[in-house]
Amino acid sequence: DGAAMLTETIFENRFMHVPELVRFGANINVHGKSAI
């Protein structure tokens, strides 16, 4: 319920799962090292 920001500081390419989560209908926007 609501929004969250997730910031990845360890690996530079660790948001590859985002497009797959979006296929479920998830609302995720990636901005550099962070995702809303």
PDB file of all heavy atoms in Angstrom:
ATOM      1  N   ASP A   1       0.852  -1.179   0.000  1.00  0.00           N
ATOM      2  CA  ASP A   1       0.000   0.000   0.000  1.00  0.00           C
ATOM      3  C   ASP A   1       0.896   1.240   0.000  1.00  0.00           C
ATOM      4  O   ASP A   1       1.539   1.549   0.991  1.00  0.00           O
ATOM      5  CB  ASP A   1      -0.908  -0.014   1.234  1.00  0.00           C
ATOM      6  CG  ASP A   1      -1.919   1.120   1.242  1.00  0.00           C
ATOM      7  OD1 ASP A   1      -2.178   1.686   0.163  1.00  0.00           O
ATOM      8  OD2 ASP A   1      -2.442   1.452   2.319  1.00  0.00           O
ATOM      9  N   GLY A   2       0.982   1.918  -1.133  1.00  0.00           N
ATOM     10  CA  GLY A   2       1.860   3.079  -1.238  1.00  0.00           C
ATOM     11  C   GLY A   2       3.077   2.790  -2.097  1.00  0.00           C
ATOM     12  O   GLY A   2       3.165   1.762  -2.783  1.00  0.00           O
ATOM     13  N   ALA A   3       4.046   3.686  -2.020  1.00  0.00           N
ATOM     14  CA  ALA A   3       5.233   3.606  -2.865  1.00  0.00           C
ATOM     15  C   ALA A   3       6.476   3.338  -2.037  1.00  0.00           C
ATOM     16  O   ALA A   3       6.519   3.579  -0.829  1.00  0.00           O
ATOM     17  CB  ALA A   3       5.403   4.899  -3.661  1.00  0.00           C
ATOM     18  N   ALA A   4       7.508   2.824  -2.706  1.00  0.00           N
ATOM     19  CA  ALA A   4       8.792   2.574  -2.067  1.00  0.00           C
ATOM     20  C   ALA A   4       9.900   2.842  -3.073  1.00  0.00           C
ATOM     21  O   ALA A   4       9.729   2.628  -4.277  1.00  0.00           O
ATOM     22  CB  ALA A   4       8.882   1.134  -1.567  1.00  0.00           C
ATOM     23  N   MET A   5      11.035   3.300  -2.563  1.00  0.00           N
ATOM     24  CA  MET A   5      12.207   3.482  -3.414  1.00  0.00           C
ATOM     25  C   MET A   5      13.260   2.463  -3.011  1.00  0.00           C
ATOM     26  O   MET A   5      13.578   2.294  -1.843  1.00  0.00           O
ATOM     27  CB  MET A   5      12.777   4.901  -3.295  1.00  0.00           C
ATOM     28  CG  MET A   5      13.953   5.138  -4.257  1.00  0.00           C
ATOM     29  SD  MET A   5      14.433   6.872  -4.441  1.00  0.00           S
ATOM     30  CE  MET A   5      15.210   7.149  -2.875  1.00  0.00           C
ATOM     31  N   LEU A   6      13.805   1.800  -4.000  1.00  0.00           N
ATOM     32  CA  LEU A   6      14.820   0.785  -3.786  1.00  0.00           C
ATOM     33  C   LEU A   6      16.089   1.214  -4.524  1.00  0.00           C
ATOM     34  O   LEU A   6      16.053   1.449  -5.730  1.00  0.00           O
ATOM     35  CB  LEU A   6      14.301  -0.552  -4.313  1.00  0.00           C
ATOM     36  CG  LEU A   6      15.005  -1.836  -3.950  1.00  0.00           C
ATOM     37  CD1 LEU A   6      14.074  -3.026  -4.131  1.00  0.00           C
ATOM     38  CD2 LEU A   6      16.235  -2.017  -4.831  1.00  0.00           C
ATOM     39  N   THR A   7      17.185   1.324  -3.786  1.00  0.00           N
ATOM     40  CA  THR A   7      18.454   1.767  -4.369  1.00  0.00           C
ATOM     41  C   THR A   7      19.480   0.647  -4.298  1.00  0.00           C
ATOM     42  O   THR A   7      19.735   0.090  -3.232  1.00  0.00           O
ATOM     43  CB  THR A   7      18.984   3.018  -3.640  1.00  0.00           C
ATOM     44  OG1 THR A   7      17.988   4.055  -3.698  1.00  0.00           O
ATOM     45  CG2 THR A   7      20.266   3.512  -4.300  1.00  0.00           C
ATOM     46  N   GLU A   8      20.053   0.299  -5.440  1.00  0.00           N
ATOM     47  CA  GLU A   8      21.041  -0.770  -5.544  1.00  0.00           C
ATOM     48  C   GLU A   8      22.439  -0.157  -5.618  1.00  0.00           C
ATOM     49  O   GLU A   8      22.758   0.571  -6.558  1.00  0.00           O
ATOM     50  CB  GLU A   8      20.774  -1.615  -6.793  1.00  0.00           C
ATOM     51  CG  GLU A   8      21.832  -2.666  -7.112  1.00  0.00           C
ATOM     52  CD  GLU A   8      22.010  -3.688  -6.000  1.00  0.00           C
ATOM     53  OE1 GLU A   8      21.017  -4.322  -5.593  1.00  0.00           O
ATOM     54  OE2 GLU A   8      23.150  -3.846  -5.536  1.00  0.00           O
ATOM     55  N   THR A   9      23.278  -0.438  -4.623  1.00  0.00           N
ATOM     56  CA  THR A   9      24.619   0.149  -4.557  1.00  0.00           C
ATOM     57  C   THR A   9      25.733  -0.859  -4.807  1.00  0.00           C
ATOM     58  O   THR A   9      26.905  -0.463  -4.872  1.00  0.00           O
ATOM     59  CB  THR A   9      24.858   0.806  -3.178  1.00  0.00           C
ATOM     60  OG1 THR A   9      24.964  -0.208  -2.175  1.00  0.00           O
ATOM     61  CG2 THR A   9      23.731   1.775  -2.805  1.00  0.00           C
ATOM     62  N   ILE A  10      25.407  -2.138  -4.941  1.00  0.00           N
ATOM     63  CA  ILE A  10      26.442  -3.173  -5.027  1.00  0.00           C
ATOM     64  C   ILE A  10      26.762  -3.535  -6.476  1.00  0.00           C
ATOM     65  O   ILE A  10      27.917  -3.518  -6.894  1.00  0.00           O
ATOM     66  CB  ILE A  10      26.029  -4.436  -4.254  1.00  0.00           C
ATOM     67  CG1 ILE A  10      25.608  -4.087  -2.817  1.00  0.00           C
ATOM     68  CG2 ILE A  10      27.180  -5.442  -4.243  1.00  0.00           C
ATOM     69  CD1 ILE A  10      26.683  -3.484  -1.956  1.00  0.00           C
ATOM     70  N   PHE A  11      25.743  -3.874  -7.249  1.00  0.00           N
ATOM     71  CA  PHE A  11      25.943  -4.311  -8.626  1.00  0.00           C
ATOM     72  C   PHE A  11      25.276  -3.357  -9.595  1.00  0.00           C
ATOM     73  O   PHE A  11      24.164  -2.869  -9.355  1.00  0.00           O
ATOM     74  CB  PHE A  11      25.407  -5.729  -8.837  1.00  0.00           C
ATOM     75  CG  PHE A  11      26.137  -6.769  -8.033  1.00  0.00           C
ATOM     76  CD1 PHE A  11      25.462  -7.592  -7.164  1.00  0.00           C
ATOM     77  CD2 PHE A  11      27.500  -6.903  -8.148  1.00  0.00           C
ATOM     78  CE1 PHE A  11      26.137  -8.549  -6.420  1.00  0.00           C
ATOM     79  CE2 PHE A  11      28.188  -7.854  -7.403  1.00  0.00           C
ATOM     80  CZ  PHE A  11      27.510  -8.669  -6.535  1.00  0.00           C
ATOM     81  N   GLU A  12      25.918  -3.135 -10.713  1.00  0.00           N
ATOM     82  CA  GLU A  12      25.464  -2.119 -11.659  1.00  0.00           C
ATOM     83  C   GLU A  12      24.369  -2.612 -12.602  1.00  0.00           C
ATOM     84  O   GLU A  12      23.764  -1.824 -13.306  1.00  0.00           O
ATOM     85  CB  GLU A  12      26.652  -1.593 -12.490  1.00  0.00           C
ATOM     86  CG  GLU A  12      27.170  -2.570 -13.567  1.00  0.00           C
ATOM     87  CD  GLU A  12      28.146  -3.574 -13.022  1.00  0.00           C
ATOM     88  OE1 GLU A  12      28.310  -3.675 -11.793  1.00  0.00           O
ATOM     89  OE2 GLU A  12      28.758  -4.291 -13.835  1.00  0.00           O
ATOM     90  N   ASN A  13      24.103  -3.922 -12.618  1.00  0.00           N
ATOM     91  CA  ASN A  13      23.166  -4.453 -13.592  1.00  0.00           C
ATOM     92  C   ASN A  13      22.149  -5.377 -12.928  1.00  0.00           C
ATOM     93  O   ASN A  13      21.851  -6.444 -13.452  1.00  0.00           O
ATOM     94  CB  ASN A  13      23.948  -5.191 -14.691  1.00  0.00           C
ATOM     95  CG  ASN A  13      23.128  -5.452 -15.931  1.00  0.00           C
ATOM     96  OD1 ASN A  13      22.162  -4.735 -16.202  1.00  0.00           O
ATOM     97  ND2 ASN A  13      23.471  -6.475 -16.693  1.00  0.00           N
ATOM     98  N   ARG A  14      21.627  -4.949 -11.785  1.00  0.00           N
ATOM     99  CA  ARG A  14      20.781  -5.861 -11.038  1.00  0.00           C
ATOM    100  C   ARG A  14      19.312  -5.473 -11.032  1.00  0.00           C
ATOM    101  O   ARG A  14      18.580  -5.790 -10.118  1.00  0.00           O
ATOM    102  CB  ARG A  14      21.295  -6.023  -9.610  1.00  0.00           C
ATOM    103  CG  ARG A  14      20.919  -7.397  -9.060  1.00  0.00           C
ATOM    104  CD  ARG A  14      21.637  -7.794  -7.831  1.00  0.00           C
ATOM    105  NE  ARG A  14      21.482  -9.249  -7.665  1.00  0.00           N
ATOM    106  CZ  ARG A  14      22.010  -9.983  -6.703  1.00  0.00           C
ATOM    107  NH1 ARG A  14      22.760  -9.425  -5.797  1.00  0.00           N
ATOM    108  NH2 ARG A  14      21.823 -11.281  -6.645  1.00  0.00           N
ATOM    109  N   PHE A  15      18.852  -4.837 -12.081  1.00  0.00           N
ATOM    110  CA  PHE A  15      17.434  -4.558 -12.241  1.00  0.00           C
ATOM    111  C   PHE A  15      16.866  -5.292 -13.453  1.00  0.00           C
ATOM    112  O   PHE A  15      15.829  -4.900 -13.999  1.00  0.00           O
ATOM    113  CB  PHE A  15      17.184  -3.058 -12.374  1.00  0.00           C
ATOM    114  CG  PHE A  15      17.297  -2.290 -11.081  1.00  0.00           C
ATOM    115  CD1 PHE A  15      17.768  -0.999 -11.082  1.00  0.00           C
ATOM    116  CD2 PHE A  15      16.923  -2.849  -9.877  1.00  0.00           C
ATOM    117  CE1 PHE A  15      17.871  -0.264  -9.895  1.00  0.00           C
ATOM    118  CE2 PHE A  15      17.017  -2.135  -8.689  1.00  0.00           C
ATOM    119  CZ  PHE A  15      17.498  -0.844  -8.701  1.00  0.00           C
ATOM    120  N   MET A  16      17.535  -6.355 -13.896  1.00  0.00           N
ATOM    121  CA  MET A  16      17.072  -7.054 -15.082  1.00  0.00           C
ATOM    122  C   MET A  16      15.732  -7.761 -14.870  1.00  0.00           C
ATOM    123  O   MET A  16      15.039  -8.107 -15.835  1.00  0.00           O
ATOM    124  CB  MET A  16      18.126  -8.055 -15.560  1.00  0.00           C
ATOM    125  CG  MET A  16      19.386  -7.404 -16.100  1.00  0.00           C
ATOM    126  SD  MET A  16      20.467  -8.594 -16.917  1.00  0.00           S
ATOM    127  CE  MET A  16      20.836  -9.690 -15.570  1.00  0.00           C
ATOM    128  N   HIS A  17      15.359  -7.976 -13.611  1.00  0.00           N
ATOM    129  CA  HIS A  17      14.074  -8.610 -13.319  1.00  0.00           C
ATOM    130  C   HIS A  17      12.903  -7.649 -13.460  1.00  0.00           C
ATOM    131  O   HIS A  17      11.753  -8.094 -13.509  1.00  0.00           O
ATOM    132  CB  HIS A  17      14.077  -9.191 -11.898  1.00  0.00           C
ATOM    133  CG  HIS A  17      14.563  -8.215 -10.864  1.00  0.00           C
ATOM    134  ND1 HIS A  17      15.888  -7.967 -10.669  1.00  0.00           N
ATOM    135  CD2 HIS A  17      13.899  -7.420  -9.971  1.00  0.00           C
ATOM    136  CE1 HIS A  17      16.020  -7.066  -9.694  1.00  0.00           C
ATOM    137  NE2 HIS A  17      14.839  -6.722  -9.275  1.00  0.00           N
ATOM    138  N   VAL A  18      13.163  -6.340 -13.542  1.00  0.00           N
ATOM    139  CA  VAL A  18      12.078  -5.363 -13.565  1.00  0.00           C
ATOM    140  C   VAL A  18      11.108  -5.602 -14.728  1.00  0.00           C
ATOM    141  O   VAL A  18       9.889  -5.658 -14.520  1.00  0.00           O
ATOM    142  CB  VAL A  18      12.631  -3.920 -13.577  1.00  0.00           C
ATOM    143  CG1 VAL A  18      11.506  -2.921 -13.863  1.00  0.00           C
ATOM    144  CG2 VAL A  18      13.305  -3.606 -12.237  1.00  0.00           C
ATOM    145  N   PRO A  19      11.589  -5.749 -15.987  1.00  0.00           N
ATOM    146  CA  PRO A  19      10.631  -5.980 -17.078  1.00  0.00           C
ATOM    147  C   PRO A  19       9.757  -7.217 -16.863  1.00  0.00           C
ATOM    148  O   PRO A  19       8.589  -7.234 -17.289  1.00  0.00           O
ATOM    149  CB  PRO A  19      11.536  -6.154 -18.308  1.00  0.00           C
ATOM    150  CG  PRO A  19      12.792  -5.433 -17.961  1.00  0.00           C
ATOM    151  CD  PRO A  19      12.975  -5.656 -16.497  1.00  0.00           C
ATOM    152  N   GLU A  20      10.309  -8.234 -16.200  1.00  0.00           N
ATOM    153  CA  GLU A  20       9.526  -9.442 -15.957  1.00  0.00           C
ATOM    154  C   GLU A  20       8.483  -9.203 -14.869  1.00  0.00           C
ATOM    155  O   GLU A  20       7.350  -9.684 -14.963  1.00  0.00           O
ATOM    156  CB  GLU A  20      10.444 -10.615 -15.586  1.00  0.00           C
ATOM    157  CG  GLU A  20      11.466 -10.967 -16.663  1.00  0.00           C
ATOM    158  CD  GLU A  20      10.830 -11.277 -18.000  1.00  0.00           C
ATOM    159  OE1 GLU A  20       9.938 -12.143 -18.061  1.00  0.00           O
ATOM    160  OE2 GLU A  20      11.216 -10.627 -19.004  1.00  0.00           O
ATOM    161  N   LEU A  21       8.839  -8.458 -13.821  1.00  0.00           N
ATOM    162  CA  LEU A  21       7.856  -8.119 -12.784  1.00  0.00           C
ATOM    163  C   LEU A  21       6.746  -7.248 -13.359  1.00  0.00           C
ATOM    164  O   LEU A  21       5.578  -7.372 -12.964  1.00  0.00           O
ATOM    165  CB  LEU A  21       8.536  -7.419 -11.610  1.00  0.00           C
ATOM    166  CG  LEU A  21       9.514  -8.266 -10.762  1.00  0.00           C
ATOM    167  CD1 LEU A  21      10.171  -7.404  -9.689  1.00  0.00           C
ATOM    168  CD2 LEU A  21       8.813  -9.448 -10.116  1.00  0.00           C
ATOM    169  N   VAL A  22       7.097  -6.376 -14.291  1.00  0.00           N
ATOM    170  CA  VAL A  22       6.096  -5.512 -14.932  1.00  0.00           C
ATOM    171  C   VAL A  22       5.065  -6.346 -15.685  1.00  0.00           C
ATOM    172  O   VAL A  22       3.895  -5.966 -15.810  1.00  0.00           O
ATOM    173  CB  VAL A  22       6.794  -4.492 -15.857  1.00  0.00           C
ATOM    174  CG1 VAL A  22       5.782  -3.765 -16.744  1.00  0.00           C
ATOM    175  CG2 VAL A  22       7.585  -3.484 -15.018  1.00  0.00           C
ATOM    176  N   ARG A  23       5.454  -7.516 -16.188  1.00  0.00           N
ATOM    177  CA  ARG A  23       4.515  -8.383 -16.902  1.00  0.00           C
ATOM    178  C   ARG A  23       3.369  -8.846 -15.998  1.00  0.00           C
ATOM    179  O   ARG A  23       2.295  -9.189 -16.492  1.00  0.00           O
ATOM    180  CB  ARG A  23       5.251  -9.580 -17.486  1.00  0.00           C
ATOM    181  CG  ARG A  23       6.190  -9.218 -18.638  1.00  0.00           C
ATOM    182  CD  ARG A  23       6.927 -10.447 -19.164  1.00  0.00           C
ATOM    183  NE  ARG A  23       6.049 -11.456 -19.664  1.00  0.00           N
ATOM    184  CZ  ARG A  23       5.526 -11.484 -20.879  1.00  0.00           C
ATOM    185  NH1 ARG A  23       5.811 -10.521 -21.739  1.00  0.00           N
ATOM    186  NH2 ARG A  23       4.711 -12.454 -21.262  1.00  0.00           N
ATOM    187  N   PHE A  24       3.593  -8.854 -14.686  1.00  0.00           N
ATOM    188  CA  PHE A  24       2.511  -9.164 -13.736  1.00  0.00           C
ATOM    189  C   PHE A  24       1.557  -7.983 -13.547  1.00  0.00           C
ATOM    190  O   PHE A  24       0.507  -8.136 -12.922  1.00  0.00           O
ATOM    191  CB  PHE A  24       3.091  -9.515 -12.363  1.00  0.00           C
ATOM    192  CG  PHE A  24       3.810 -10.820 -12.283  1.00  0.00           C
ATOM    193  CD1 PHE A  24       5.174 -10.894 -12.495  1.00  0.00           C
ATOM    194  CD2 PHE A  24       3.147 -11.994 -11.961  1.00  0.00           C
ATOM    195  CE1 PHE A  24       5.863 -12.100 -12.390  1.00  0.00           C
ATOM    196  CE2 PHE A  24       3.825 -13.205 -11.847  1.00  0.00           C
ATOM    197  CZ  PHE A  24       5.190 -13.255 -12.074  1.00  0.00           C
ATOM    198  N   GLY A  25       1.960  -6.809 -14.035  1.00  0.00           N
ATOM    199  CA  GLY A  25       1.207  -5.589 -13.786  1.00  0.00           C
ATOM    200  C   GLY A  25       1.852  -4.674 -12.768  1.00  0.00           C
ATOM    201  O   GLY A  25       1.282  -3.646 -12.400  1.00  0.00           O
ATOM    202  N   ALA A  26       3.040  -5.028 -12.299  1.00  0.00           N
ATOM    203  CA  ALA A  26       3.738  -4.217 -11.305  1.00  0.00           C
ATOM    204  C   ALA A  26       4.089  -2.847 -11.887  1.00  0.00           C
ATOM    205  O   ALA A  26       4.463  -2.722 -13.057  1.00  0.00           O
ATOM    206  CB  ALA A  26       5.000  -4.916 -10.833  1.00  0.00           C
ATOM    207  N   ASN A  27       3.970  -1.834 -11.032  1.00  0.00           N
ATOM    208  CA  ASN A  27       4.249  -0.448 -11.415  1.00  0.00           C
ATOM    209  C   ASN A  27       5.648  -0.083 -10.901  1.00  0.00           C
ATOM    210  O   ASN A  27       5.817   0.302  -9.742  1.00  0.00           O
ATOM    211  CB  ASN A  27       3.180   0.480 -10.831  1.00  0.00           C
ATOM    212  CG  ASN A  27       3.324   1.915 -11.312  1.00  0.00           C
ATOM    213  OD1 ASN A  27       4.354   2.328 -11.850  1.00  0.00           O
ATOM    214  ND2 ASN A  27       2.280   2.711 -11.126  1.00  0.00           N
ATOM    215  N   ILE A  28       6.649  -0.199 -11.765  1.00  0.00           N
ATOM    216  CA  ILE A  28       8.044   0.009 -11.377  1.00  0.00           C
ATOM    217  C   ILE A  28       8.714   0.910 -12.401  1.00  0.00           C
ATOM    218  O   ILE A  28       8.648   0.652 -13.602  1.00  0.00           O
ATOM    219  CB  ILE A  28       8.816  -1.330 -11.288  1.00  0.00           C
ATOM    220  CG1 ILE A  28       8.102  -2.307 -10.345  1.00  0.00           C
ATOM    221  CG2 ILE A  28      10.253  -1.086 -10.805  1.00  0.00           C
ATOM    222  CD1 ILE A  28       8.671  -3.711 -10.400  1.00  0.00           C
ATOM    223  N   ASN A  29       9.375   1.958 -11.921  1.00  0.00           N
ATOM    224  CA  ASN A  29      10.133   2.858 -12.780  1.00  0.00           C
ATOM    225  C   ASN A  29      11.570   2.916 -12.295  1.00  0.00           C
ATOM    226  O   ASN A  29      11.825   3.198 -11.115  1.00  0.00           O
ATOM    227  CB  ASN A  29       9.521   4.256 -12.776  1.00  0.00           C
ATOM    228  CG  ASN A  29       8.159   4.287 -13.453  1.00  0.00           C
ATOM    229  OD1 ASN A  29       8.049   4.086 -14.652  1.00  0.00           O
ATOM    230  ND2 ASN A  29       7.110   4.528 -12.663  1.00  0.00           N
ATOM    231  N   VAL A  30      12.503   2.658 -13.182  1.00  0.00           N
ATOM    232  CA  VAL A  30      13.920   2.646 -12.839  1.00  0.00           C
ATOM    233  C   VAL A  30      14.561   3.963 -13.252  1.00  0.00           C
ATOM    234  O   VAL A  30      14.374   4.441 -14.369  1.00  0.00           O
ATOM    235  CB  VAL A  30      14.644   1.469 -13.528  1.00  0.00           C
ATOM    236  CG1 VAL A  30      16.148   1.524 -13.250  1.00  0.00           C
ATOM    237  CG2 VAL A  30      14.075   0.135 -13.035  1.00  0.00           C
ATOM    238  N   HIS A  31      15.311   4.557 -12.321  1.00  0.00           N
ATOM    239  CA  HIS A  31      16.071   5.776 -12.579  1.00  0.00           C
ATOM    240  C   HIS A  31      17.508   5.548 -12.104  1.00  0.00           C
ATOM    241  O   HIS A  31      17.828   5.700 -10.919  1.00  0.00           O
ATOM    242  CB  HIS A  31      15.453   6.977 -11.839  1.00  0.00           C
ATOM    243  CG  HIS A  31      14.006   7.208 -12.137  1.00  0.00           C
ATOM    244  ND1 HIS A  31      13.568   7.913 -13.226  1.00  0.00           N
ATOM    245  CD2 HIS A  31      12.892   6.785 -11.479  1.00  0.00           C
ATOM    246  CE1 HIS A  31      12.246   7.931 -13.234  1.00  0.00           C
ATOM    247  NE2 HIS A  31      11.803   7.256 -12.188  1.00  0.00           N
ATOM    248  N   GLY A  32      18.377   5.154 -13.028  1.00  0.00           N
ATOM    249  CA  GLY A  32      19.769   4.882 -12.658  1.00  0.00           C
ATOM    250  C   GLY A  32      19.870   3.730 -11.682  1.00  0.00           C
ATOM    251  O   GLY A  32      19.443   2.611 -11.968  1.00  0.00           O
ATOM    252  N   LYS A  33      20.411   3.999 -10.496  1.00  0.00           N
ATOM    253  CA  LYS A  33      20.604   2.967  -9.480  1.00  0.00           C
ATOM    254  C   LYS A  33      19.393   2.775  -8.580  1.00  0.00           C
ATOM    255  O   LYS A  33      19.433   1.975  -7.642  1.00  0.00           O
ATOM    256  CB  LYS A  33      21.820   3.304  -8.617  1.00  0.00           C
ATOM    257  CG  LYS A  33      23.152   3.254  -9.354  1.00  0.00           C
ATOM    258  CD  LYS A  33      24.302   3.540  -8.421  1.00  0.00           C
ATOM    259  CE  LYS A  33      25.642   3.429  -9.122  1.00  0.00           C
ATOM    260  NZ  LYS A  33      26.788   3.689  -8.208  1.00  0.00           N
ATOM    261  N   SER A  34      18.318   3.528  -8.837  1.00  0.00           N
ATOM    262  CA  SER A  34      17.136   3.452  -7.986  1.00  0.00           C
ATOM    263  C   SER A  34      15.904   3.050  -8.789  1.00  0.00           C
ATOM    264  O   SER A  34      15.819   3.292  -9.990  1.00  0.00           O
ATOM    265  CB  SER A  34      16.878   4.791  -7.294  1.00  0.00           C
ATOM    266  OG  SER A  34      17.939   5.111  -6.405  1.00  0.00           O
ATOM    267  N   ALA A  35      14.984   2.426  -8.098  1.00  0.00           N
ATOM    268  CA  ALA A  35      13.707   2.058  -8.696  1.00  0.00           C
ATOM    269  C   ALA A  35      12.584   2.529  -7.779  1.00  0.00           C
ATOM    270  O   ALA A  35      12.669   2.383  -6.558  1.00  0.00           O
ATOM    271  CB  ALA A  35      13.619   0.550  -8.904  1.00  0.00           C
ATOM    272  N   ILE A  36      11.554   3.118  -8.363  1.00  0.00           N
ATOM    273  CA  ILE A  36      10.351   3.513  -7.634  1.00  0.00           C
ATOM    274  C   ILE A  36       9.282   2.457  -7.891  1.00  0.00           C
ATOM    275  O   ILE A  36       8.937   2.182  -9.045  1.00  0.00           O
ATOM    276  CB  ILE A  36       9.846   4.899  -8.067  1.00  0.00           C
ATOM    277  CG1 ILE A  36      10.933   5.971  -7.901  1.00  0.00           C
ATOM    278  CG2 ILE A  36       8.583   5.271  -7.272  1.00  0.00           C
ATOM    279  CD1 ILE A  36      11.318   6.232  -6.481  1.00  0.00           C
TER     280      ILE A  36
END
